[in-house]
Amino acid sequence: MIKKAVKMKVYPDKHEEYKRRHDELWPEMEQMLKEYGALSYAIFLDPETSTLFGYLEIQDEERWSLTAQTAINQKWWDYMADIMETNPDNSPVATDLLPVFEL
């Protein structure tokens, strides 16, 4: 199992909408995440800074990297682009975080 952490940004006035969209995650999106090796995926919000912290446990880094090329993932990025910081292809602006401690 590989552990990954990433930070992203949601617009300050879109916190509730971000949560709502994830509460209603499309079944085909959930299926794709699992098919590409997500064992666990959680996202946390710091409401003071609008920073999102994503924590993932995946099976294989190479397989996981292919999620970006799936049609459902690209559709999800397009769906989320109006409520968070994104790149020109609508992928979230994301920074990988480095592990420094684990108990």
PDB file of N, CA and C in Angstrom:
ATOM      1  N   MET A   1       0.841  -1.178   0.000  1.00  0.00           N
ATOM      2  CA  MET A   1       0.000   0.000   0.000  1.00  0.00           C
ATOM      3  C   MET A   1       0.889   1.245   0.000  1.00  0.00           C
ATOM      4  N   ILE A   2       0.486   2.225  -0.788  1.00  0.00           N
ATOM      5  CA  ILE A   2       1.203   3.492  -0.892  1.00  0.00           C
ATOM      6  C   ILE A   2       0.310   4.589  -0.318  1.00  0.00           C
ATOM      7  N   LYS A   3       0.877   5.414   0.539  1.00  0.00           N
ATOM      8  CA  LYS A   3       0.135   6.534   1.130  1.00  0.00           C
ATOM      9  C   LYS A   3       0.519   7.815   0.408  1.00  0.00           C
ATOM     10  N   LYS A   4      -0.490   8.611   0.068  1.00  0.00           N
ATOM     11  CA  LYS A   4      -0.261   9.875  -0.622  1.00  0.00           C
ATOM     12  C   LYS A   4      -1.064  10.969   0.077  1.00  0.00           C
ATOM     13  N   ALA A   5      -0.521  12.184   0.042  1.00  0.00           N
ATOM     14  CA  ALA A   5      -1.242  13.341   0.563  1.00  0.00           C
ATOM     15  C   ALA A   5      -1.052  14.489  -0.414  1.00  0.00           C
ATOM     16  N   VAL A   6      -2.090  15.281  -0.561  1.00  0.00           N
ATOM     17  CA  VAL A   6      -2.076  16.379  -1.511  1.00  0.00           C
ATOM     18  C   VAL A   6      -2.877  17.543  -0.928  1.00  0.00           C
ATOM     19  N   LYS A   7      -2.485  18.763  -1.301  1.00  0.00           N
ATOM     20  CA  LYS A   7      -3.296  19.903  -0.899  1.00  0.00           C
ATOM     21  C   LYS A   7      -3.813  20.605  -2.147  1.00  0.00           C
ATOM     22  N   MET A   8      -5.029  21.139  -2.025  1.00  0.00           N
ATOM     23  CA  MET A   8      -5.707  21.851  -3.104  1.00  0.00           C
ATOM     24  C   MET A   8      -6.435  23.033  -2.469  1.00  0.00           C
ATOM     25  N   LYS A   9      -7.097  23.830  -3.293  1.00  0.00           N
ATOM     26  CA  LYS A   9      -7.842  24.989  -2.783  1.00  0.00           C
ATOM     27  C   LYS A   9      -9.247  25.001  -3.358  1.00  0.00           C
ATOM     28  N   VAL A  10     -10.207  25.227  -2.482  1.00  0.00           N
ATOM     29  CA  VAL A  10     -11.591  25.473  -2.882  1.00  0.00           C
ATOM     30  C   VAL A  10     -11.850  26.961  -2.674  1.00  0.00           C
ATOM     31  N   TYR A  11     -12.688  27.547  -3.509  1.00  0.00           N
ATOM     32  CA  TYR A  11     -12.989  28.968  -3.334  1.00  0.00           C
ATOM     33  C   TYR A  11     -13.703  29.183  -2.001  1.00  0.00           C
ATOM     34  N   PRO A  12     -13.385  30.289  -1.313  1.00  0.00           N
ATOM     35  CA  PRO A  12     -13.927  30.522   0.039  1.00  0.00           C
ATOM     36  C   PRO A  12     -15.447  30.464   0.140  1.00  0.00           C
ATOM     37  N   ASP A  13     -16.149  30.870  -0.877  1.00  0.00           N
ATOM     38  CA  ASP A  13     -17.613  30.853  -0.805  1.00  0.00           C
ATOM     39  C   ASP A  13     -18.218  29.553  -1.337  1.00  0.00           C
ATOM     40  N   LYS A  14     -17.381  28.537  -1.587  1.00  0.00           N
ATOM     41  CA  LYS A  14     -17.863  27.285  -2.172  1.00  0.00           C
ATOM     42  C   LYS A  14     -17.639  26.065  -1.293  1.00  0.00           C
ATOM     43  N   HIS A  15     -17.362  26.276  -0.025  1.00  0.00           N
ATOM     44  CA  HIS A  15     -17.113  25.147   0.880  1.00  0.00           C
ATOM     45  C   HIS A  15     -18.289  24.169   0.909  1.00  0.00           C
ATOM     46  N   GLU A  16     -19.485  24.702   1.110  1.00  0.00           N
ATOM     47  CA  GLU A  16     -20.660  23.828   1.206  1.00  0.00           C
ATOM     48  C   GLU A  16     -20.934  23.115  -0.103  1.00  0.00           C
ATOM     49  N   GLU A  17     -20.757  23.813  -1.216  1.00  0.00           N
ATOM     50  CA  GLU A  17     -20.986  23.191  -2.521  1.00  0.00           C
ATOM     51  C   GLU A  17     -19.959  22.086  -2.781  1.00  0.00           C
ATOM     52  N   TYR A  18     -18.718  22.305  -2.391  1.00  0.00           N
ATOM     53  CA  TYR A  18     -17.686  21.285  -2.551  1.00  0.00           C
ATOM     54  C   TYR A  18     -18.077  20.020  -1.789  1.00  0.00           C
ATOM     55  N   LYS A  19     -18.505  20.202  -0.545  1.00  0.00           N
ATOM     56  CA  LYS A  19     -18.922  19.049   0.259  1.00  0.00           C
ATOM     57  C   LYS A  19     -20.139  18.368  -0.357  1.00  0.00           C
ATOM     58  N   ARG A  20     -21.131  19.145  -0.794  1.00  0.00           N
ATOM     59  CA  ARG A  20     -22.339  18.577  -1.379  1.00  0.00           C
ATOM     60  C   ARG A  20     -22.002  17.708  -2.590  1.00  0.00           C
ATOM     61  N   ARG A  21     -21.129  18.216  -3.459  1.00  0.00           N
ATOM     62  CA  ARG A  21     -20.783  17.450  -4.660  1.00  0.00           C
ATOM     63  C   ARG A  21     -20.078  16.144  -4.311  1.00  0.00           C
ATOM     64  N   HIS A  22     -19.275  16.147  -3.269  1.00  0.00           N
ATOM     65  CA  HIS A  22     -18.619  14.909  -2.861  1.00  0.00           C
ATOM     66  C   HIS A  22     -19.574  13.985  -2.110  1.00  0.00           C
ATOM     67  N   ASP A  23     -20.517  14.539  -1.392  1.00  0.00           N
ATOM     68  CA  ASP A  23     -21.538  13.707  -0.745  1.00  0.00           C
ATOM     69  C   ASP A  23     -22.371  12.967  -1.791  1.00  0.00           C
ATOM     70  N   GLU A  24     -22.476  13.557  -2.972  1.00  0.00           N
ATOM     71  CA  GLU A  24     -23.254  12.978  -4.067  1.00  0.00           C
ATOM     72  C   GLU A  24     -22.333  12.450  -5.177  1.00  0.00           C
ATOM     73  N   LEU A  25     -21.165  11.941  -4.780  1.00  0.00           N
ATOM     74  CA  LEU A  25     -20.189  11.443  -5.747  1.00  0.00           C
ATOM     75  C   LEU A  25     -20.850  10.471  -6.715  1.00  0.00           C
ATOM     76  N   TRP A  26     -20.594  10.684  -7.991  1.00  0.00           N
ATOM     77  CA  TRP A  26     -21.177   9.816  -9.016  1.00  0.00           C
ATOM     78  C   TRP A  26     -20.700   8.371  -8.814  1.00  0.00           C
ATOM     79  N   PRO A  27     -21.604   7.404  -8.896  1.00  0.00           N
ATOM     80  CA  PRO A  27     -21.198   5.995  -8.731  1.00  0.00           C
ATOM     81  C   PRO A  27     -20.097   5.577  -9.700  1.00  0.00           C
ATOM     82  N   GLU A  28     -20.136   6.079 -10.939  1.00  0.00           N
ATOM     83  CA  GLU A  28     -19.109   5.696 -11.902  1.00  0.00           C
ATOM     84  C   GLU A  28     -17.751   6.299 -11.549  1.00  0.00           C
ATOM     85  N   MET A  29     -17.746   7.433 -10.849  1.00  0.00           N
ATOM     86  CA  MET A  29     -16.486   8.017 -10.385  1.00  0.00           C
ATOM     87  C   MET A  29     -15.910   7.166  -9.246  1.00  0.00           C
ATOM     88  N   GLU A  30     -16.760   6.786  -8.321  1.00  0.00           N
ATOM     89  CA  GLU A  30     -16.316   5.925  -7.220  1.00  0.00           C
ATOM     90  C   GLU A  30     -15.781   4.603  -7.755  1.00  0.00           C
ATOM     91  N   GLN A  31     -16.473   4.031  -8.730  1.00  0.00           N
ATOM     92  CA  GLN A  31     -16.039   2.770  -9.320  1.00  0.00           C
ATOM     93  C   GLN A  31     -14.673   2.917  -9.981  1.00  0.00           C
ATOM     94  N   MET A  32     -14.473   4.013 -10.728  1.00  0.00           N
ATOM     95  CA  MET A  32     -13.187   4.224 -11.389  1.00  0.00           C
ATOM     96  C   MET A  32     -12.059   4.341 -10.370  1.00  0.00           C
ATOM     97  N   LEU A  33     -12.284   5.102  -9.291  1.00  0.00           N
ATOM     98  CA  LEU A  33     -11.253   5.267  -8.266  1.00  0.00           C
ATOM     99  C   LEU A  33     -10.834   3.904  -7.703  1.00  0.00           C
ATOM    100  N   LYS A  34     -11.808   3.070  -7.436  1.00  0.00           N
ATOM    101  CA  LYS A  34     -11.512   1.741  -6.897  1.00  0.00           C
ATOM    102  C   LYS A  34     -10.816   0.866  -7.934  1.00  0.00           C
ATOM    103  N   GLU A  35     -11.269   0.939  -9.183  1.00  0.00           N
ATOM    104  CA  GLU A  35     -10.666   0.130 -10.244  1.00  0.00           C
ATOM    105  C   GLU A  35      -9.200   0.504 -10.476  1.00  0.00           C
ATOM    106  N   TYR A  36      -8.866   1.759 -10.223  1.00  0.00           N
ATOM    107  CA  TYR A  36      -7.488   2.217 -10.439  1.00  0.00           C
ATOM    108  C   TYR A  36      -6.651   2.173  -9.157  1.00  0.00           C
ATOM    109  N   GLY A  37      -7.153   1.475  -8.156  1.00  0.00           N
ATOM    110  CA  GLY A  37      -6.322   1.154  -7.005  1.00  0.00           C
ATOM    111  C   GLY A  37      -6.499   1.980  -5.749  1.00  0.00           C
ATOM    112  N   ALA A  38      -7.545   2.799  -5.659  1.00  0.00           N
ATOM    113  CA  ALA A  38      -7.771   3.543  -4.417  1.00  0.00           C
ATOM    114  C   ALA A  38      -8.347   2.600  -3.363  1.00  0.00           C
ATOM    115  N   LEU A  39      -7.617   2.430  -2.292  1.00  0.00           N
ATOM    116  CA  LEU A  39      -8.081   1.624  -1.175  1.00  0.00           C
ATOM    117  C   LEU A  39      -8.829   2.492  -0.172  1.00  0.00           C
ATOM    118  N   SER A  40      -8.405   3.746  -0.095  1.00  0.00           N
ATOM    119  CA  SER A  40      -8.994   4.714   0.826  1.00  0.00           C
ATOM    120  C   SER A  40      -8.724   6.103   0.267  1.00  0.00           C
ATOM    121  N   TYR A  41      -9.711   7.007   0.410  1.00  0.00           N
ATOM    122  CA  TYR A  41      -9.531   8.370  -0.082  1.00  0.00           C
ATOM    123  C   TYR A  41     -10.378   9.276   0.800  1.00  0.00           C
ATOM    124  N   ALA A  42      -9.741  10.226   1.441  1.00  0.00           N
ATOM    125  CA  ALA A  42     -10.443  11.180   2.301  1.00  0.00           C
ATOM    126  C   ALA A  42      -9.948  12.587   1.990  1.00  0.00           C
ATOM    127  N   ILE A  43     -10.855  13.547   2.073  1.00  0.00           N
ATOM    128  CA  ILE A  43     -10.499  14.947   1.863  1.00  0.00           C
ATOM    129  C   ILE A  43     -10.986  15.739   3.066  1.00  0.00           C
ATOM    130  N   PHE A  44     -10.108  16.593   3.585  1.00  0.00           N
ATOM    131  CA  PHE A  44     -10.420  17.439   4.731  1.00  0.00           C
ATOM    132  C   PHE A  44     -10.297  18.897   4.301  1.00  0.00           C
ATOM    133  N   LEU A  45     -11.066  19.772   4.949  1.00  0.00           N
ATOM    134  CA  LEU A  45     -11.064  21.196   4.630  1.00  0.00           C
ATOM    135  C   LEU A  45     -10.617  22.014   5.832  1.00  0.00           C
ATOM    136  N   ASP A  46      -9.696  22.949   5.608  1.00  0.00           N
ATOM    137  CA  ASP A  46      -9.368  23.978   6.595  1.00  0.00           C
ATOM    138  C   ASP A  46     -10.210  25.189   6.208  1.00  0.00           C
ATOM    139  N   PRO A  47     -11.305  25.456   6.911  1.00  0.00           N
ATOM    140  CA  PRO A  47     -12.208  26.533   6.506  1.00  0.00           C
ATOM    141  C   PRO A  47     -11.588  27.927   6.597  1.00  0.00           C
ATOM    142  N   GLU A  48     -10.580  28.098   7.413  1.00  0.00           N
ATOM    143  CA  GLU A  48      -9.949  29.420   7.543  1.00  0.00           C
ATOM    144  C   GLU A  48      -9.137  29.789   6.311  1.00  0.00           C
ATOM    145  N   THR A  49      -8.535  28.793   5.656  1.00  0.00           N
ATOM    146  CA  THR A  49      -7.672  29.067   4.500  1.00  0.00           C
ATOM    147  C   THR A  49      -8.243  28.537   3.186  1.00  0.00           C
ATOM    148  N   SER A  50      -9.345  27.804   3.257  1.00  0.00           N
ATOM    149  CA  SER A  50      -9.958  27.135   2.094  1.00  0.00           C
ATOM    150  C   SER A  50      -9.032  26.089   1.481  1.00  0.00           C
ATOM    151  N   THR A  51      -8.094  25.604   2.268  1.00  0.00           N
ATOM    152  CA  THR A  51      -7.180  24.560   1.813  1.00  0.00           C
ATOM    153  C   THR A  51      -7.819  23.195   2.032  1.00  0.00           C
ATOM    154  N   LEU A  52      -7.730  22.380   0.998  1.00  0.00           N
ATOM    155  CA  LEU A  52      -8.188  20.996   1.066  1.00  0.00           C
ATOM    156  C   LEU A  52      -6.973  20.103   1.259  1.00  0.00           C
ATOM    157  N   PHE A  53      -7.098  19.115   2.112  1.00  0.00           N
ATOM    158  CA  PHE A  53      -6.046  18.137   2.340  1.00  0.00           C
ATOM    159  C   PHE A  53      -6.610  16.779   1.937  1.00  0.00           C
ATOM    160  N   GLY A  54      -6.032  16.186   0.913  1.00  0.00           N
ATOM    161  CA  GLY A  54      -6.470  14.870   0.475  1.00  0.00           C
ATOM    162  C   GLY A  54      -5.498  13.810   0.945  1.00  0.00           C
ATOM    163  N   TYR A  55      -6.034  12.713   1.450  1.00  0.00           N
ATOM    164  CA  TYR A  55      -5.222  11.586   1.895  1.00  0.00           C
ATOM    165  C   TYR A  55      -5.704  10.339   1.165  1.00  0.00           C
ATOM    166  N   LEU A  56      -4.773   9.663   0.505  1.00  0.00           N
ATOM    167  CA  LEU A  56      -5.110   8.479  -0.278  1.00  0.00           C
ATOM    168  C   LEU A  56      -4.230   7.305   0.113  1.00  0.00           C
ATOM    169  N   GLU A  57      -4.805   6.140   0.036  1.00  0.00           N
ATOM    170  CA  GLU A  57      -4.051   4.902   0.112  1.00  0.00           C
ATOM    171  C   GLU A  57      -4.328   4.185  -1.195  1.00  0.00           C
ATOM    172  N   ILE A  58      -3.259   3.924  -1.954  1.00  0.00           N
ATOM    173  CA  ILE A  58      -3.409   3.311  -3.270  1.00  0.00           C
ATOM    174  C   ILE A  58      -2.575   2.050  -3.372  1.00  0.00           C
ATOM    175  N   GLN A  59      -2.876   1.243  -4.390  1.00  0.00           N
ATOM    176  CA  GLN A  59      -2.152  -0.007  -4.573  1.00  0.00           C
ATOM    177  C   GLN A  59      -0.871   0.183  -5.382  1.00  0.00           C
ATOM    178  N   ASP A  60      -0.933   1.055  -6.398  1.00  0.00           N
ATOM    179  CA  ASP A  60       0.183   1.153  -7.335  1.00  0.00           C
ATOM    180  C   ASP A  60       0.225   2.566  -7.912  1.00  0.00           C
ATOM    181  N   GLU A  61       1.355   3.212  -7.814  1.00  0.00           N
ATOM    182  CA  GLU A  61       1.502   4.598  -8.278  1.00  0.00           C
ATOM    183  C   GLU A  61       1.282   4.720  -9.789  1.00  0.00           C
ATOM    184  N   GLU A  62       1.832   3.794 -10.557  1.00  0.00           N
ATOM    185  CA  GLU A  62       1.694   3.858 -12.011  1.00  0.00           C
ATOM    186  C   GLU A  62       0.232   3.699 -12.433  1.00  0.00           C
ATOM    187  N   ARG A  63      -0.449   2.744 -11.858  1.00  0.00           N
ATOM    188  CA  ARG A  63      -1.873   2.535 -12.174  1.00  0.00           C
ATOM    189  C   ARG A  63      -2.678   3.760 -11.764  1.00  0.00           C
ATOM    190  N   TRP A  64      -2.411   4.299 -10.592  1.00  0.00           N
ATOM    191  CA  TRP A  64      -3.138   5.458 -10.097  1.00  0.00           C
ATOM    192  C   TRP A  64      -2.966   6.648 -11.042  1.00  0.00           C
ATOM    193  N   SER A  65      -1.777   6.828 -11.582  1.00  0.00           N
ATOM    194  CA  SER A  65      -1.520   7.973 -12.454  1.00  0.00           C
ATOM    195  C   SER A  65      -2.395   7.951 -13.712  1.00  0.00           C
ATOM    196  N   LEU A  66      -2.910   6.792 -14.080  1.00  0.00           N
ATOM    197  CA  LEU A  66      -3.754   6.670 -15.267  1.00  0.00           C
ATOM    198  C   LEU A  66      -5.166   7.218 -15.053  1.00  0.00           C
ATOM    199  N   THR A  67      -5.548   7.484 -13.806  1.00  0.00           N
ATOM    200  CA  THR A  67      -6.894   8.021 -13.557  1.00  0.00           C
ATOM    201  C   THR A  67      -7.110   9.335 -14.293  1.00  0.00           C
ATOM    202  N   ALA A  68      -6.066  10.127 -14.434  1.00  0.00           N
ATOM    203  CA  ALA A  68      -6.192  11.437 -15.077  1.00  0.00           C
ATOM    204  C   ALA A  68      -6.638  11.314 -16.529  1.00  0.00           C
ATOM    205  N   GLN A  69      -6.391  10.179 -17.137  1.00  0.00           N
ATOM    206  CA  GLN A  69      -6.727   9.991 -18.546  1.00  0.00           C
ATOM    207  C   GLN A  69      -8.127   9.431 -18.770  1.00  0.00           C
ATOM    208  N   THR A  70      -8.822   9.067 -17.706  1.00  0.00           N
ATOM    209  CA  THR A  70     -10.150   8.476 -17.886  1.00  0.00           C
ATOM    210  C   THR A  70     -11.175   9.560 -18.194  1.00  0.00           C
ATOM    211  N   ALA A  71     -12.158   9.199 -18.995  1.00  0.00           N
ATOM    212  CA  ALA A  71     -13.210  10.146 -19.374  1.00  0.00           C
ATOM    213  C   ALA A  71     -13.999  10.614 -18.149  1.00  0.00           C
ATOM    214  N   ILE A  72     -14.268   9.713 -17.211  1.00  0.00           N
ATOM    215  CA  ILE A  72     -15.057  10.095 -16.042  1.00  0.00           C
ATOM    216  C   ILE A  72     -14.293  11.070 -15.165  1.00  0.00           C
ATOM    217  N   ASN A  73     -12.986  10.907 -15.049  1.00  0.00           N
ATOM    218  CA  ASN A  73     -12.191  11.832 -14.244  1.00  0.00           C
ATOM    219  C   ASN A  73     -12.156  13.214 -14.898  1.00  0.00           C
ATOM    220  N   GLN A  74     -11.999  13.255 -16.197  1.00  0.00           N
ATOM    221  CA  GLN A  74     -11.999  14.535 -16.896  1.00  0.00           C
ATOM    222  C   GLN A  74     -13.360  15.213 -16.795  1.00  0.00           C
ATOM    223  N   LYS A  75     -14.428  14.426 -16.831  1.00  0.00           N
ATOM    224  CA  LYS A  75     -15.779  14.977 -16.640  1.00  0.00           C
ATOM    225  C   LYS A  75     -15.917  15.562 -15.226  1.00  0.00           C
ATOM    226  N   TRP A  76     -15.353  14.859 -14.232  1.00  0.00           N
ATOM    227  CA  TRP A  76     -15.397  15.342 -12.845  1.00  0.00           C
ATOM    228  C   TRP A  76     -14.629  16.648 -12.717  1.00  0.00           C
ATOM    229  N   TRP A  77     -13.449  16.731 -13.316  1.00  0.00           N
ATOM    230  CA  TRP A  77     -12.670  17.973 -13.278  1.00  0.00           C
ATOM    231  C   TRP A  77     -13.475  19.127 -13.860  1.00  0.00           C
ATOM    232  N   ASP A  78     -14.131  18.899 -14.985  1.00  0.00           N
ATOM    233  CA  ASP A  78     -14.952  19.949 -15.600  1.00  0.00           C
ATOM    234  C   ASP A  78     -16.076  20.376 -14.657  1.00  0.00           C
ATOM    235  N   TYR A  79     -16.674  19.411 -13.993  1.00  0.00           N
ATOM    236  CA  TYR A  79     -17.768  19.656 -13.046  1.00  0.00           C
ATOM    237  C   TYR A  79     -17.301  20.477 -11.845  1.00  0.00           C
ATOM    238  N   MET A  80     -16.071  20.262 -11.411  1.00  0.00           N
ATOM    239  CA  MET A  80     -15.563  20.928 -10.211  1.00  0.00           C
ATOM    240  C   MET A  80     -14.852  22.245 -10.494  1.00  0.00           C
ATOM    241  N   ALA A  81     -14.586  22.555 -11.742  1.00  0.00           N
ATOM    242  CA  ALA A  81     -13.743  23.705 -12.107  1.00  0.00           C
ATOM    243  C   ALA A  81     -14.296  25.044 -11.639  1.00  0.00           C
ATOM    244  N   ASP A  82     -15.593  25.152 -11.467  1.00  0.00           N
ATOM    245  CA  ASP A  82     -16.173  26.441 -11.070  1.00  0.00           C
ATOM    246  C   ASP A  82     -16.088  26.709  -9.570  1.00  0.00           C
ATOM    247  N   ILE A  83     -15.614  25.731  -8.796  1.00  0.00           N
ATOM    248  CA  ILE A  83     -15.596  25.940  -7.346  1.00  0.00           C
ATOM    249  C   ILE A  83     -14.211  25.788  -6.707  1.00  0.00           C
ATOM    250  N   MET A  84     -13.187  25.526  -7.531  1.00  0.00           N
ATOM    251  CA  MET A  84     -11.850  25.367  -6.958  1.00  0.00           C
ATOM    252  C   MET A  84     -10.778  25.830  -7.932  1.00  0.00           C
ATOM    253  N   GLU A  85      -9.583  26.030  -7.418  1.00  0.00           N
ATOM    254  CA  GLU A  85      -8.459  26.437  -8.259  1.00  0.00           C
ATOM    255  C   GLU A  85      -8.091  25.273  -9.186  1.00  0.00           C
ATOM    256  N   THR A  86      -7.991  25.588 -10.493  1.00  0.00           N
ATOM    257  CA  THR A  86      -7.711  24.545 -11.475  1.00  0.00           C
ATOM    258  C   THR A  86      -6.635  24.989 -12.459  1.00  0.00           C
ATOM    259  N   ASN A  87      -6.073  24.011 -13.130  1.00  0.00           N
ATOM    260  CA  ASN A  87      -5.134  24.207 -14.234  1.00  0.00           C
ATOM    261  C   ASN A  87      -5.932  24.420 -15.520  1.00  0.00           C
ATOM    262  N   PRO A  88      -5.254  24.788 -16.615  1.00  0.00           N
ATOM    263  CA  PRO A  88      -5.956  25.002 -17.883  1.00  0.00           C
ATOM    264  C   PRO A  88      -6.797  23.801 -18.360  1.00  0.00           C
ATOM    265  N   ASP A  89      -6.402  22.567 -17.990  1.00  0.00           N
ATOM    266  CA  ASP A  89      -7.183  21.386 -18.386  1.00  0.00           C
ATOM    267  C   ASP A  89      -8.291  21.047 -17.384  1.00  0.00           C
ATOM    268  N   ASN A  90      -8.529  21.947 -16.434  1.00  0.00           N
ATOM    269  CA  ASN A  90      -9.527  21.812 -15.362  1.00  0.00           C
ATOM    270  C   ASN A  90      -9.126  20.838 -14.263  1.00  0.00           C
ATOM    271  N   SER A  91      -7.940  20.258 -14.334  1.00  0.00           N
ATOM    272  CA  SER A  91      -7.462  19.446 -13.214  1.00  0.00           C
ATOM    273  C   SER A  91      -7.215  20.380 -12.028  1.00  0.00           C
ATOM    274  N   PRO A  92      -7.421  19.898 -10.812  1.00  0.00           N
ATOM    275  CA  PRO A  92      -7.183  20.752  -9.664  1.00  0.00           C
ATOM    276  C   PRO A  92      -5.711  21.146  -9.549  1.00  0.00           C
ATOM    277  N   VAL A  93      -5.471  22.380  -9.152  1.00  0.00           N
ATOM    278  CA  VAL A  93      -4.110  22.768  -8.794  1.00  0.00           C
ATOM    279  C   VAL A  93      -3.810  22.011  -7.501  1.00  0.00           C
ATOM    280  N   ALA A  94      -2.856  21.115  -7.565  1.00  0.00           N
ATOM    281  CA  ALA A  94      -2.577  20.237  -6.427  1.00  0.00           C
ATOM    282  C   ALA A  94      -1.082  20.183  -6.162  1.00  0.00           C
ATOM    283  N   THR A  95      -0.757  20.152  -4.888  1.00  0.00           N
ATOM    284  CA  THR A  95       0.634  20.024  -4.460  1.00  0.00           C
ATOM    285  C   THR A  95       0.768  18.749  -3.655  1.00  0.00           C
ATOM    286  N   ASP A  96       1.658  17.870  -4.083  1.00  0.00           N
ATOM    287  CA  ASP A  96       1.931  16.672  -3.304  1.00  0.00           C
ATOM    288  C   ASP A  96       2.631  17.069  -2.018  1.00  0.00           C
ATOM    289  N   LEU A  97       2.230  16.438  -0.931  1.00  0.00           N
ATOM    290  CA  LEU A  97       2.850  16.697   0.367  1.00  0.00           C
ATOM    291  C   LEU A  97       3.823  15.567   0.699  1.00  0.00           C
ATOM    292  N   LEU A  98       4.900  15.925   1.349  1.00  0.00           N
ATOM    293  CA  LEU A  98       5.940  14.955   1.699  1.00  0.00           C
ATOM    294  C   LEU A  98       5.693  14.372   3.071  1.00  0.00           C
ATOM    295  N   PRO A  99       5.840  13.069   3.212  1.00  0.00           N
ATOM    296  CA  PRO A  99       5.671  12.468   4.542  1.00  0.00           C
ATOM    297  C   PRO A  99       6.843  12.850   5.451  1.00  0.00           C
ATOM    298  N   VAL A 100       6.534  13.234   6.682  1.00  0.00           N
ATOM    299  CA  VAL A 100       7.588  13.572   7.624  1.00  0.00           C
ATOM    300  C   VAL A 100       7.455  12.814   8.939  1.00  0.00           C
ATOM    301  N   PHE A 101       6.293  12.235   9.218  1.00  0.00           N
ATOM    302  CA  PHE A 101       6.115  11.492  10.469  1.00  0.00           C
ATOM    303  C   PHE A 101       4.930  10.555  10.333  1.00  0.00           C
ATOM    304  N   GLU A 102       5.071   9.380  10.921  1.00  0.00           N
ATOM    305  CA  GLU A 102       3.958   8.439  10.997  1.00  0.00           C
ATOM    306  C   GLU A 102       4.118   7.610  12.261  1.00  0.00           C
ATOM    307  N   LEU A 103       3.051   7.443  12.975  1.00  0.00           N
ATOM    308  CA  LEU A 103       3.065   6.641  14.196  1.00  0.00           C
ATOM    309  C   LEU A 103       2.465   5.288  13.899  1.00  0.00           C
TER     310      LEU A 103
END
